[in-house]
């Protein structure tokens, strides 16, 4: 099990994942073929006994698109395959392309990135993460984690999963990067603001109103 963590401005989340790293393979691809059909195998585990298998789905798609006049089937062995780039399926030499699991094995294709931080232990564990862009969501063992917030997330609360009358504080040390969510008194609509800082009087500077 790997402990992973990401920190955004004013938002902290912790994530535990059990995904295995994709194993490397030095075996060159030689798709199996029969009567105009070609099978391309992808494996996560280097101990897999299938020969001529590729290590990533991206590599398999690239190989499949080069097979002229074939009905190509990409068969994924059991495991989790993390994508580091978009898979582009475009005009190719093959007649058709099917992507499926091998013999009904459980396969997960994920665009999530597994992160491995260096922890600073304390009452709240912290880690600095160098991210190219902010993630949309964080998961722990398949469970979506909410961003750190005030008041704390309450799954039983009907409105915004928790509200507080003192949520807009002038005593925040550095609220830059936080968000304020406001609901219309009729509860039919709301507004969202990004906090860009504080003025000289301590009042929050907001942008948005989306």
C-alpha atoms as a PDB file:
ATOM      1  CA  UNK A   1       0.000   0.000   0.000  1.00  0.00           C
ATOM      2  CA  UNK A   2       1.268   3.469  -0.888  1.00  0.00           C
ATOM      3  CA  UNK A   3       0.327   6.627   0.989  1.00  0.00           C
ATOM      4  CA  UNK A   4      -0.210   9.542  -1.346  1.00  0.00           C
ATOM      5  CA  UNK A   5      -1.014  13.147  -0.636  1.00  0.00           C
ATOM      6  CA  UNK A   6      -1.669  16.393  -2.448  1.00  0.00           C
ATOM      7  CA  UNK A   7      -1.860  19.939  -1.149  1.00  0.00           C
ATOM      8  CA  UNK A   8      -3.472  22.884  -2.926  1.00  0.00           C
ATOM      9  CA  UNK A   9      -3.668  26.495  -1.733  1.00  0.00           C
ATOM     10  CA  UNK A  10      -5.765  26.325   1.427  1.00  0.00           C
ATOM     11  CA  UNK A  11      -6.985  22.807   0.639  1.00  0.00           C
ATOM     12  CA  UNK A  12      -5.442  19.627   2.037  1.00  0.00           C
ATOM     13  CA  UNK A  13      -6.383  16.063   1.140  1.00  0.00           C
ATOM     14  CA  UNK A  14      -4.817  12.682   1.888  1.00  0.00           C
ATOM     15  CA  UNK A  15      -5.100   9.670  -0.383  1.00  0.00           C
ATOM     16  CA  UNK A  16      -4.250   6.003   0.121  1.00  0.00           C
ATOM     17  CA  UNK A  17      -4.000   3.894  -3.014  1.00  0.00           C
ATOM     18  CA  UNK A  18      -3.100   0.294  -3.634  1.00  0.00           C
ATOM     19  CA  UNK A  19      -2.419   0.467  -7.356  1.00  0.00           C
ATOM     20  CA  UNK A  20       0.647  -1.460  -8.517  1.00  0.00           C
ATOM     21  CA  UNK A  21       3.223   0.291 -10.695  1.00  0.00           C
ATOM     22  CA  UNK A  22       3.190  -0.641 -14.342  1.00  0.00           C
ATOM     23  CA  UNK A  23       5.961  -3.140 -14.961  1.00  0.00           C
ATOM     24  CA  UNK A  24       8.517  -2.630 -17.683  1.00  0.00           C
ATOM     25  CA  UNK A  25       8.928  -5.170 -20.452  1.00  0.00           C
ATOM     26  CA  UNK A  26      11.747  -5.787 -22.897  1.00  0.00           C
ATOM     27  CA  UNK A  27       9.732  -8.165 -25.074  1.00  0.00           C
ATOM     28  CA  UNK A  28       9.043  -6.841 -28.534  1.00  0.00           C
ATOM     29  CA  UNK A  29       5.394  -6.991 -29.709  1.00  0.00           C
ATOM     30  CA  UNK A  30       4.445  -9.763 -32.077  1.00  0.00           C
ATOM     31  CA  UNK A  31       0.627  -9.755 -32.323  1.00  0.00           C
ATOM     32  CA  UNK A  32      -1.049 -13.127 -32.664  1.00  0.00           C
ATOM     33  CA  UNK A  33      -3.115 -13.383 -35.809  1.00  0.00           C
ATOM     34  CA  UNK A  34      -5.576 -15.743 -37.423  1.00  0.00           C
ATOM     35  CA  UNK A  35      -7.783 -15.328 -40.508  1.00  0.00           C
ATOM     36  CA  UNK A  36      -7.418 -11.566 -40.691  1.00  0.00           C
ATOM     37  CA  UNK A  37      -7.700 -11.046 -36.928  1.00  0.00           C
ATOM     38  CA  UNK A  38      -4.803  -9.882 -34.763  1.00  0.00           C
ATOM     39  CA  UNK A  39      -4.622  -9.999 -30.951  1.00  0.00           C
ATOM     40  CA  UNK A  40      -2.401  -7.528 -29.100  1.00  0.00           C
ATOM     41  CA  UNK A  41      -1.845  -8.300 -25.417  1.00  0.00           C
ATOM     42  CA  UNK A  42      -1.083  -5.780 -22.674  1.00  0.00           C
ATOM     43  CA  UNK A  43       0.180  -6.821 -19.256  1.00  0.00           C
ATOM     44  CA  UNK A  44       0.807  -4.911 -16.039  1.00  0.00           C
ATOM     45  CA  UNK A  45       2.657  -7.702 -14.248  1.00  0.00           C
ATOM     46  CA  UNK A  46       6.090  -8.737 -15.555  1.00  0.00           C
ATOM     47  CA  UNK A  47       5.459 -12.267 -14.159  1.00  0.00           C
ATOM     48  CA  UNK A  48       2.686 -12.793 -16.696  1.00  0.00           C
ATOM     49  CA  UNK A  49       3.491 -15.803 -18.850  1.00  0.00           C
ATOM     50  CA  UNK A  50       2.111 -14.364 -22.088  1.00  0.00           C
ATOM     51  CA  UNK A  51       4.934 -13.647 -24.500  1.00  0.00           C
ATOM     52  CA  UNK A  52       5.167 -10.675 -26.847  1.00  0.00           C
ATOM     53  CA  UNK A  53       2.904  -8.518 -24.651  1.00  0.00           C
ATOM     54  CA  UNK A  54       3.193  -4.750 -24.317  1.00  0.00           C
ATOM     55  CA  UNK A  55       3.366  -2.844 -21.058  1.00  0.00           C
ATOM     56  CA  UNK A  56       0.976   0.068 -21.776  1.00  0.00           C
ATOM     57  CA  UNK A  57      -2.358   0.601 -23.488  1.00  0.00           C
ATOM     58  CA  UNK A  58      -0.904   3.546 -25.406  1.00  0.00           C
ATOM     59  CA  UNK A  59       1.783   1.319 -26.929  1.00  0.00           C
ATOM     60  CA  UNK A  60      -0.804  -1.326 -27.819  1.00  0.00           C
ATOM     61  CA  UNK A  61      -3.038   1.172 -29.634  1.00  0.00           C
ATOM     62  CA  UNK A  62      -0.055   2.529 -31.537  1.00  0.00           C
ATOM     63  CA  UNK A  63       0.928  -1.006 -32.608  1.00  0.00           C
ATOM     64  CA  UNK A  64      -2.653  -1.944 -33.519  1.00  0.00           C
ATOM     65  CA  UNK A  65      -3.170   1.031 -35.805  1.00  0.00           C
ATOM     66  CA  UNK A  66      -0.211  -0.112 -37.928  1.00  0.00           C
ATOM     67  CA  UNK A  67      -1.684  -3.551 -38.717  1.00  0.00           C
ATOM     68  CA  UNK A  68      -3.024  -3.310 -42.249  1.00  0.00           C
ATOM     69  CA  UNK A  69      -6.437  -4.766 -43.113  1.00  0.00           C
ATOM     70  CA  UNK A  70      -6.802  -6.576 -39.783  1.00  0.00           C
ATOM     71  CA  UNK A  71      -9.571  -6.760 -37.216  1.00  0.00           C
ATOM     72  CA  UNK A  72      -7.446  -5.973 -34.173  1.00  0.00           C
ATOM     73  CA  UNK A  73      -8.363  -6.886 -30.598  1.00  0.00           C
ATOM     74  CA  UNK A  74      -6.355  -5.417 -27.729  1.00  0.00           C
ATOM     75  CA  UNK A  75      -6.655  -7.711 -24.713  1.00  0.00           C
ATOM     76  CA  UNK A  76      -5.719  -6.257 -21.319  1.00  0.00           C
ATOM     77  CA  UNK A  77      -4.478  -8.577 -18.593  1.00  0.00           C
ATOM     78  CA  UNK A  78      -5.754  -8.038 -15.060  1.00  0.00           C
ATOM     79  CA  UNK A  79      -4.493  -4.887 -13.347  1.00  0.00           C
ATOM     80  CA  UNK A  80      -4.657  -1.112 -13.251  1.00  0.00           C
ATOM     81  CA  UNK A  81      -3.270   0.843 -16.198  1.00  0.00           C
ATOM     82  CA  UNK A  82      -2.460   4.503 -15.569  1.00  0.00           C
ATOM     83  CA  UNK A  83      -2.524   6.764 -18.610  1.00  0.00           C
ATOM     84  CA  UNK A  84       0.108   9.488 -18.783  1.00  0.00           C
ATOM     85  CA  UNK A  85      -1.291  10.928 -22.024  1.00  0.00           C
ATOM     86  CA  UNK A  86      -4.474  10.933 -24.083  1.00  0.00           C
ATOM     87  CA  UNK A  87      -5.045   7.863 -26.259  1.00  0.00           C
ATOM     88  CA  UNK A  88      -5.657   9.009 -29.826  1.00  0.00           C
ATOM     89  CA  UNK A  89      -7.480   6.519 -32.054  1.00  0.00           C
ATOM     90  CA  UNK A  90      -7.477   7.940 -35.563  1.00  0.00           C
ATOM     91  CA  UNK A  91      -7.503   6.784 -39.171  1.00  0.00           C
ATOM     92  CA  UNK A  92      -5.390   3.688 -39.425  1.00  0.00           C
ATOM     93  CA  UNK A  93      -4.482   0.734 -41.592  1.00  0.00           C
ATOM     94  CA  UNK A  94      -6.509  -1.761 -39.525  1.00  0.00           C
ATOM     95  CA  UNK A  95     -10.127  -2.548 -40.418  1.00  0.00           C
ATOM     96  CA  UNK A  96     -11.485  -2.430 -36.842  1.00  0.00           C
ATOM     97  CA  UNK A  97     -10.214  -2.049 -33.306  1.00  0.00           C
ATOM     98  CA  UNK A  98     -11.641  -3.603 -30.128  1.00  0.00           C
ATOM     99  CA  UNK A  99     -10.260  -3.020 -26.622  1.00  0.00           C
ATOM    100  CA  UNK A 100     -11.330  -5.576 -24.018  1.00  0.00           C
ATOM    101  CA  UNK A 101     -10.132  -7.487 -20.976  1.00  0.00           C
ATOM    102  CA  UNK A 102      -8.452 -10.866 -21.320  1.00  0.00           C
ATOM    103  CA  UNK A 103     -10.836 -13.730 -20.446  1.00  0.00           C
ATOM    104  CA  UNK A 104     -13.053 -11.512 -18.272  1.00  0.00           C
ATOM    105  CA  UNK A 105     -10.197 -10.501 -15.974  1.00  0.00           C
ATOM    106  CA  UNK A 106     -10.771  -7.337 -13.902  1.00  0.00           C
ATOM    107  CA  UNK A 107      -9.111  -4.369 -15.602  1.00  0.00           C
ATOM    108  CA  UNK A 108      -9.047  -0.699 -14.617  1.00  0.00           C
ATOM    109  CA  UNK A 109      -7.900   2.050 -16.987  1.00  0.00           C
ATOM    110  CA  UNK A 110      -7.224   5.194 -14.979  1.00  0.00           C
ATOM    111  CA  UNK A 111      -6.123   8.713 -15.826  1.00  0.00           C
ATOM    112  CA  UNK A 112      -5.265   9.272 -12.161  1.00  0.00           C
ATOM    113  CA  UNK A 113      -1.669   9.928 -11.172  1.00  0.00           C
ATOM    114  CA  UNK A 114      -0.157   8.070  -8.219  1.00  0.00           C
ATOM    115  CA  UNK A 115       1.898  10.527  -6.185  1.00  0.00           C
ATOM    116  CA  UNK A 116       4.609   9.675  -3.651  1.00  0.00           C
ATOM    117  CA  UNK A 117       5.265  12.565  -1.240  1.00  0.00           C
ATOM    118  CA  UNK A 118       7.884  13.130   1.421  1.00  0.00           C
ATOM    119  CA  UNK A 119       5.951  13.508   4.661  1.00  0.00           C
ATOM    120  CA  UNK A 120       6.402  16.158   7.328  1.00  0.00           C
ATOM    121  CA  UNK A 121       4.857  14.478  10.357  1.00  0.00           C
ATOM    122  CA  UNK A 122       2.917  16.331  13.022  1.00  0.00           C
ATOM    123  CA  UNK A 123      -0.633  16.850  14.260  1.00  0.00           C
ATOM    124  CA  UNK A 124      -1.484  17.285  10.603  1.00  0.00           C
ATOM    125  CA  UNK A 125       0.755  15.436   8.177  1.00  0.00           C
ATOM    126  CA  UNK A 126       1.962  17.696   5.371  1.00  0.00           C
ATOM    127  CA  UNK A 127       3.827  17.313   2.100  1.00  0.00           C
ATOM    128  CA  UNK A 128       4.777  19.673  -0.705  1.00  0.00           C
ATOM    129  CA  UNK A 129       3.753  18.320  -4.090  1.00  0.00           C
ATOM    130  CA  UNK A 130       4.999  19.726  -7.379  1.00  0.00           C
ATOM    131  CA  UNK A 131       1.948  19.524  -9.629  1.00  0.00           C
ATOM    132  CA  UNK A 132       1.746  20.820 -13.182  1.00  0.00           C
ATOM    133  CA  UNK A 133      -1.927  21.599 -12.633  1.00  0.00           C
ATOM    134  CA  UNK A 134      -4.448  21.233  -9.833  1.00  0.00           C
ATOM    135  CA  UNK A 135      -6.195  17.830  -9.817  1.00  0.00           C
ATOM    136  CA  UNK A 136      -9.955  17.656 -10.264  1.00  0.00           C
ATOM    137  CA  UNK A 137     -10.419  15.106  -7.480  1.00  0.00           C
ATOM    138  CA  UNK A 138      -8.507  12.992  -4.979  1.00  0.00           C
ATOM    139  CA  UNK A 139      -9.325   9.412  -4.038  1.00  0.00           C
ATOM    140  CA  UNK A 140      -8.421   7.107  -1.166  1.00  0.00           C
ATOM    141  CA  UNK A 141      -9.006   3.414  -1.885  1.00  0.00           C
ATOM    142  CA  UNK A 142     -11.569   4.389  -4.499  1.00  0.00           C
ATOM    143  CA  UNK A 143     -13.368   6.865  -2.214  1.00  0.00           C
ATOM    144  CA  UNK A 144     -13.574  10.499  -3.330  1.00  0.00           C
ATOM    145  CA  UNK A 145     -12.134  12.889  -0.736  1.00  0.00           C
ATOM    146  CA  UNK A 146     -13.494  16.433  -0.223  1.00  0.00           C
ATOM    147  CA  UNK A 147     -11.138  19.393  -0.071  1.00  0.00           C
ATOM    148  CA  UNK A 148     -10.263  20.742   3.351  1.00  0.00           C
ATOM    149  CA  UNK A 149     -12.827  23.417   4.217  1.00  0.00           C
ATOM    150  CA  UNK A 150     -14.573  25.431   6.903  1.00  0.00           C
ATOM    151  CA  UNK A 151     -16.796  24.241   8.388  1.00  0.00           C
ATOM    152  CA  UNK A 152     -15.647  20.638   8.066  1.00  0.00           C
ATOM    153  CA  UNK A 153     -17.428  18.423   5.555  1.00  0.00           C
ATOM    154  CA  UNK A 154     -20.644  16.951   6.954  1.00  0.00           C
ATOM    155  CA  UNK A 155     -22.243  14.289   4.760  1.00  0.00           C
ATOM    156  CA  UNK A 156     -25.548  14.616   6.669  1.00  0.00           C
ATOM    157  CA  UNK A 157     -25.911  18.390   6.087  1.00  0.00           C
ATOM    158  CA  UNK A 158     -28.401  19.200   3.329  1.00  0.00           C
ATOM    159  CA  UNK A 159     -26.863  22.548   2.290  1.00  0.00           C
ATOM    160  CA  UNK A 160     -23.296  22.524   0.943  1.00  0.00           C
ATOM    161  CA  UNK A 161     -22.625  19.612   3.320  1.00  0.00           C
ATOM    162  CA  UNK A 162     -22.203  22.166   6.115  1.00  0.00           C
ATOM    163  CA  UNK A 163     -22.420  25.946   6.548  1.00  0.00           C
ATOM    164  CA  UNK A 164     -21.258  28.446   9.184  1.00  0.00           C
ATOM    165  CA  UNK A 165     -22.205  32.048   9.906  1.00  0.00           C
ATOM    166  CA  UNK A 166     -18.560  32.962  10.543  1.00  0.00           C
ATOM    167  CA  UNK A 167     -17.206  31.341   7.387  1.00  0.00           C
ATOM    168  CA  UNK A 168     -16.155  34.735   5.996  1.00  0.00           C
ATOM    169  CA  UNK A 169     -13.578  35.721   8.588  1.00  0.00           C
ATOM    170  CA  UNK A 170     -11.304  38.754   8.586  1.00  0.00           C
ATOM    171  CA  UNK A 171      -8.939  36.864  10.888  1.00  0.00           C
ATOM    172  CA  UNK A 172      -7.757  34.365   8.270  1.00  0.00           C
ATOM    173  CA  UNK A 173      -3.953  34.702   8.130  1.00  0.00           C
ATOM    174  CA  UNK A 174      -3.702  34.074   4.390  1.00  0.00           C
ATOM    175  CA  UNK A 175      -6.957  33.002   2.698  1.00  0.00           C
ATOM    176  CA  UNK A 176      -5.587  33.462  -0.833  1.00  0.00           C
ATOM    177  CA  UNK A 177      -6.643  30.567  -3.052  1.00  0.00           C
ATOM    178  CA  UNK A 178      -9.712  29.689  -1.014  1.00  0.00           C
ATOM    179  CA  UNK A 179     -13.279  29.693  -2.317  1.00  0.00           C
ATOM    180  CA  UNK A 180     -16.532  31.030  -0.920  1.00  0.00           C
ATOM    181  CA  UNK A 181     -19.803  29.339  -1.837  1.00  0.00           C
ATOM    182  CA  UNK A 182     -22.998  31.284  -1.169  1.00  0.00           C
ATOM    183  CA  UNK A 183     -26.574  30.026  -1.558  1.00  0.00           C
ATOM    184  CA  UNK A 184     -29.609  32.166  -2.420  1.00  0.00           C
ATOM    185  CA  UNK A 185     -32.067  32.411   0.466  1.00  0.00           C
ATOM    186  CA  UNK A 186     -34.646  30.669  -1.705  1.00  0.00           C
ATOM    187  CA  UNK A 187     -32.135  27.830  -2.230  1.00  0.00           C
ATOM    188  CA  UNK A 188     -32.672  27.858  -5.982  1.00  0.00           C
ATOM    189  CA  UNK A 189     -29.222  29.112  -6.952  1.00  0.00           C
ATOM    190  CA  UNK A 190     -25.889  30.248  -5.628  1.00  0.00           C
ATOM    191  CA  UNK A 191     -22.613  32.039  -6.277  1.00  0.00           C
ATOM    192  CA  UNK A 192     -18.979  31.020  -6.100  1.00  0.00           C
ATOM    193  CA  UNK A 193     -16.087  33.386  -5.427  1.00  0.00           C
ATOM    194  CA  UNK A 194     -12.327  32.900  -5.427  1.00  0.00           C
ATOM    195  CA  UNK A 195     -10.387  34.651  -2.641  1.00  0.00           C
ATOM    196  CA  UNK A 196      -7.442  36.560  -4.113  1.00  0.00           C
ATOM    197  CA  UNK A 197      -6.254  38.176  -0.871  1.00  0.00           C
ATOM    198  CA  UNK A 198      -7.131  40.791   1.777  1.00  0.00           C
ATOM    199  CA  UNK A 199      -7.119  44.568   1.703  1.00  0.00           C
ATOM    200  CA  UNK A 200      -5.549  46.855   4.326  1.00  0.00           C
ATOM    201  CA  UNK A 201      -8.607  46.560   6.560  1.00  0.00           C
ATOM    202  CA  UNK A 202      -8.584  42.775   6.476  1.00  0.00           C
ATOM    203  CA  UNK A 203     -11.611  42.522   4.185  1.00  0.00           C
ATOM    204  CA  UNK A 204     -11.489  39.646   1.739  1.00  0.00           C
ATOM    205  CA  UNK A 205     -10.816  40.466  -1.915  1.00  0.00           C
ATOM    206  CA  UNK A 206     -13.004  38.309  -4.135  1.00  0.00           C
ATOM    207  CA  UNK A 207     -13.349  37.560  -7.819  1.00  0.00           C
ATOM    208  CA  UNK A 208     -16.058  35.638  -9.585  1.00  0.00           C
ATOM    209  CA  UNK A 209     -19.722  35.513  -8.670  1.00  0.00           C
ATOM    210  CA  UNK A 210     -20.228  32.563 -10.990  1.00  0.00           C
END
